[in-house]
C-alpha cells in the first residue's frame, strides 16, 4: 500500500509546505447526447424525466456495467431488508459523508 508523503515537493524537488489534503481524482461526466446506447438506457432508467442520474451515479458512466452494479449495490445496502431502519442507514451515510468531507 502506498502512502502519501506529509510534504509535497516544489518544482525543484525541495520540500515545501505540509500537505493539507489528498489530491482527488476527477472523472468527466458523459452527457446523455454523447453516451452509448447502453449508457443512454441506464441514464433513462436511473435519471428520471430529464435522464440525468445523480452525479454520484454519473461518475460510473465510463463503464455502464459498473454504473448498473453501483446502483444495485446502493439499493441493496439502503433498501433491502436489514436490522437497521432506513433512517438509521441514512444517518450512517450522512456521518460517513461528513467525515469524508463529501457533500453527498
C-alpha atoms as a PDB file:
ATOM      1  CA  UNK A   1       0.000   0.000   0.000  1.00  0.00           C
ATOM      2  CA  UNK A   2       1.446   3.358  -0.957  1.00  0.00           C
ATOM      3  CA  UNK A   3       1.387   6.319   1.356  1.00  0.00           C
ATOM      4  CA  UNK A   4       1.041   9.989   0.592  1.00  0.00           C
ATOM      5  CA  UNK A   5       4.020  11.996   1.821  1.00  0.00           C
ATOM      6  CA  UNK A   6       3.434  14.520   4.569  1.00  0.00           C
ATOM      7  CA  UNK A   7       5.048  17.250   2.495  1.00  0.00           C
ATOM      8  CA  UNK A   8       4.970  17.973  -1.185  1.00  0.00           C
ATOM      9  CA  UNK A   9       7.979  18.967  -3.240  1.00  0.00           C
ATOM     10  CA  UNK A  10       8.242  22.187  -5.181  1.00  0.00           C
ATOM     11  CA  UNK A  11       9.213  22.088  -8.860  1.00  0.00           C
ATOM     12  CA  UNK A  12      12.921  21.857  -7.922  1.00  0.00           C
ATOM     13  CA  UNK A  13      12.250  18.815  -5.721  1.00  0.00           C
ATOM     14  CA  UNK A  14      12.757  20.680  -2.436  1.00  0.00           C
ATOM     15  CA  UNK A  15      10.443  20.018   0.475  1.00  0.00           C
ATOM     16  CA  UNK A  16       7.787  22.689   0.510  1.00  0.00           C
ATOM     17  CA  UNK A  17       4.654  23.197   2.575  1.00  0.00           C
ATOM     18  CA  UNK A  18       2.843  20.481   4.519  1.00  0.00           C
ATOM     19  CA  UNK A  19       0.170  18.679   2.505  1.00  0.00           C
ATOM     20  CA  UNK A  20      -3.262  19.880   3.584  1.00  0.00           C
ATOM     21  CA  UNK A  21      -5.422  17.357   1.720  1.00  0.00           C
ATOM     22  CA  UNK A  22      -5.023  14.394  -0.528  1.00  0.00           C
ATOM     23  CA  UNK A  23      -5.423  15.101  -4.227  1.00  0.00           C
ATOM     24  CA  UNK A  24      -8.732  13.885  -5.610  1.00  0.00           C
ATOM     25  CA  UNK A  25      -9.338  12.061  -8.852  1.00  0.00           C
ATOM     26  CA  UNK A  26     -11.576  13.775 -11.355  1.00  0.00           C
ATOM     27  CA  UNK A  27     -13.852  11.894 -13.721  1.00  0.00           C
ATOM     28  CA  UNK A  28     -15.655  13.725 -16.514  1.00  0.00           C
ATOM     29  CA  UNK A  29     -19.356  13.026 -16.836  1.00  0.00           C
ATOM     30  CA  UNK A  30     -20.643  11.715 -20.129  1.00  0.00           C
ATOM     31  CA  UNK A  31     -23.648  13.664 -21.367  1.00  0.00           C
ATOM     32  CA  UNK A  32     -26.745  11.809 -22.487  1.00  0.00           C
ATOM     33  CA  UNK A  33     -26.170  13.035 -26.028  1.00  0.00           C
ATOM     34  CA  UNK A  34     -22.612  11.626 -26.099  1.00  0.00           C
ATOM     35  CA  UNK A  35     -23.454   8.376 -24.332  1.00  0.00           C
ATOM     36  CA  UNK A  36     -23.506   4.956 -25.944  1.00  0.00           C
ATOM     37  CA  UNK A  37     -26.956   3.393 -26.405  1.00  0.00           C
ATOM     38  CA  UNK A  38     -26.255   1.148 -23.383  1.00  0.00           C
ATOM     39  CA  UNK A  39     -25.377   4.156 -21.208  1.00  0.00           C
ATOM     40  CA  UNK A  40     -28.361   6.139 -22.517  1.00  0.00           C
ATOM     41  CA  UNK A  41     -30.619   3.294 -21.395  1.00  0.00           C
ATOM     42  CA  UNK A  42     -29.121   3.488 -17.888  1.00  0.00           C
ATOM     43  CA  UNK A  43     -29.479   7.273 -17.817  1.00  0.00           C
ATOM     44  CA  UNK A  44     -33.144   6.798 -18.703  1.00  0.00           C
ATOM     45  CA  UNK A  45     -33.520   4.068 -16.059  1.00  0.00           C
ATOM     46  CA  UNK A  46     -31.785   5.960 -13.227  1.00  0.00           C
ATOM     47  CA  UNK A  47     -32.159   9.598 -14.257  1.00  0.00           C
ATOM     48  CA  UNK A  48     -35.839  10.324 -14.071  1.00  0.00           C
ATOM     49  CA  UNK A  49     -37.659  12.575 -16.522  1.00  0.00           C
ATOM     50  CA  UNK A  50     -34.575  14.585 -17.501  1.00  0.00           C
ATOM     51  CA  UNK A  51     -32.439  11.426 -17.933  1.00  0.00           C
ATOM     52  CA  UNK A  52     -29.740  12.809 -15.642  1.00  0.00           C
ATOM     53  CA  UNK A  53     -28.838  10.495 -12.752  1.00  0.00           C
ATOM     54  CA  UNK A  54     -27.343  11.937  -9.575  1.00  0.00           C
ATOM     55  CA  UNK A  55     -23.679  12.886 -10.019  1.00  0.00           C
ATOM     56  CA  UNK A  56     -22.565  10.095  -7.699  1.00  0.00           C
ATOM     57  CA  UNK A  57     -24.127   7.672 -10.206  1.00  0.00           C
ATOM     58  CA  UNK A  58     -22.992   9.558 -13.318  1.00  0.00           C
ATOM     59  CA  UNK A  59     -19.308   9.137 -12.444  1.00  0.00           C
ATOM     60  CA  UNK A  60     -19.788   5.454 -13.219  1.00  0.00           C
ATOM     61  CA  UNK A  61     -20.755   6.359 -16.775  1.00  0.00           C
ATOM     62  CA  UNK A  62     -17.343   5.461 -18.125  1.00  0.00           C
ATOM     63  CA  UNK A  63     -18.415   1.849 -17.528  1.00  0.00           C
ATOM     64  CA  UNK A  64     -22.140   1.136 -17.920  1.00  0.00           C
ATOM     65  CA  UNK A  65     -21.669  -2.254 -16.260  1.00  0.00           C
ATOM     66  CA  UNK A  66     -20.090  -0.530 -13.247  1.00  0.00           C
ATOM     67  CA  UNK A  67     -22.946   2.013 -13.133  1.00  0.00           C
ATOM     68  CA  UNK A  68     -25.550  -0.735 -13.079  1.00  0.00           C
ATOM     69  CA  UNK A  69     -23.595  -2.553 -10.347  1.00  0.00           C
ATOM     70  CA  UNK A  70     -23.099   0.661  -8.358  1.00  0.00           C
ATOM     71  CA  UNK A  71     -26.828   1.343  -8.246  1.00  0.00           C
ATOM     72  CA  UNK A  72     -27.576  -2.300  -7.397  1.00  0.00           C
ATOM     73  CA  UNK A  73     -25.078  -2.159  -4.516  1.00  0.00           C
ATOM     74  CA  UNK A  74     -26.538   1.121  -3.231  1.00  0.00           C
ATOM     75  CA  UNK A  75     -30.080  -0.215  -3.389  1.00  0.00           C
ATOM     76  CA  UNK A  76     -29.004  -3.434  -1.698  1.00  0.00           C
ATOM     77  CA  UNK A  77     -27.452  -1.530   1.171  1.00  0.00           C
ATOM     78  CA  UNK A  78     -30.077   1.180   1.538  1.00  0.00           C
ATOM     79  CA  UNK A  79     -33.340  -0.510   0.551  1.00  0.00           C
ATOM     80  CA  UNK A  80     -33.037  -4.258   1.197  1.00  0.00           C
ATOM     81  CA  UNK A  81     -34.278  -5.909   4.393  1.00  0.00           C
ATOM     82  CA  UNK A  82     -31.984  -5.049   7.269  1.00  0.00           C
ATOM     83  CA  UNK A  83     -31.960  -4.908  11.058  1.00  0.00           C
ATOM     84  CA  UNK A  84     -31.280  -1.172  10.576  1.00  0.00           C
ATOM     85  CA  UNK A  85     -34.139   1.130   9.677  1.00  0.00           C
ATOM     86  CA  UNK A  86     -33.926   3.259   6.547  1.00  0.00           C
ATOM     87  CA  UNK A  87     -33.461   6.302   8.801  1.00  0.00           C
ATOM     88  CA  UNK A  88     -30.546   4.649  10.619  1.00  0.00           C
ATOM     89  CA  UNK A  89     -28.885   3.764   7.312  1.00  0.00           C
ATOM     90  CA  UNK A  90     -29.341   7.336   6.048  1.00  0.00           C
ATOM     91  CA  UNK A  91     -27.888   8.683   9.307  1.00  0.00           C
ATOM     92  CA  UNK A  92     -24.827   6.442   8.916  1.00  0.00           C
ATOM     93  CA  UNK A  93     -24.410   7.650   5.309  1.00  0.00           C
ATOM     94  CA  UNK A  94     -24.567  11.288   6.429  1.00  0.00           C
ATOM     95  CA  UNK A  95     -21.978  10.769   9.179  1.00  0.00           C
ATOM     96  CA  UNK A  96     -19.601   8.920   6.836  1.00  0.00           C
ATOM     97  CA  UNK A  97     -20.012  11.633   4.187  1.00  0.00           C
ATOM     98  CA  UNK A  98     -19.302  14.340   6.763  1.00  0.00           C
ATOM     99  CA  UNK A  99     -16.183  12.546   7.978  1.00  0.00           C
ATOM    100  CA  UNK A 100     -15.012  12.184   4.370  1.00  0.00           C
ATOM    101  CA  UNK A 101     -15.927  15.827   3.634  1.00  0.00           C
ATOM    102  CA  UNK A 102     -18.203  14.626   0.860  1.00  0.00           C
ATOM    103  CA  UNK A 103     -21.332  16.663   0.123  1.00  0.00           C
ATOM    104  CA  UNK A 104     -23.318  13.541  -0.772  1.00  0.00           C
END
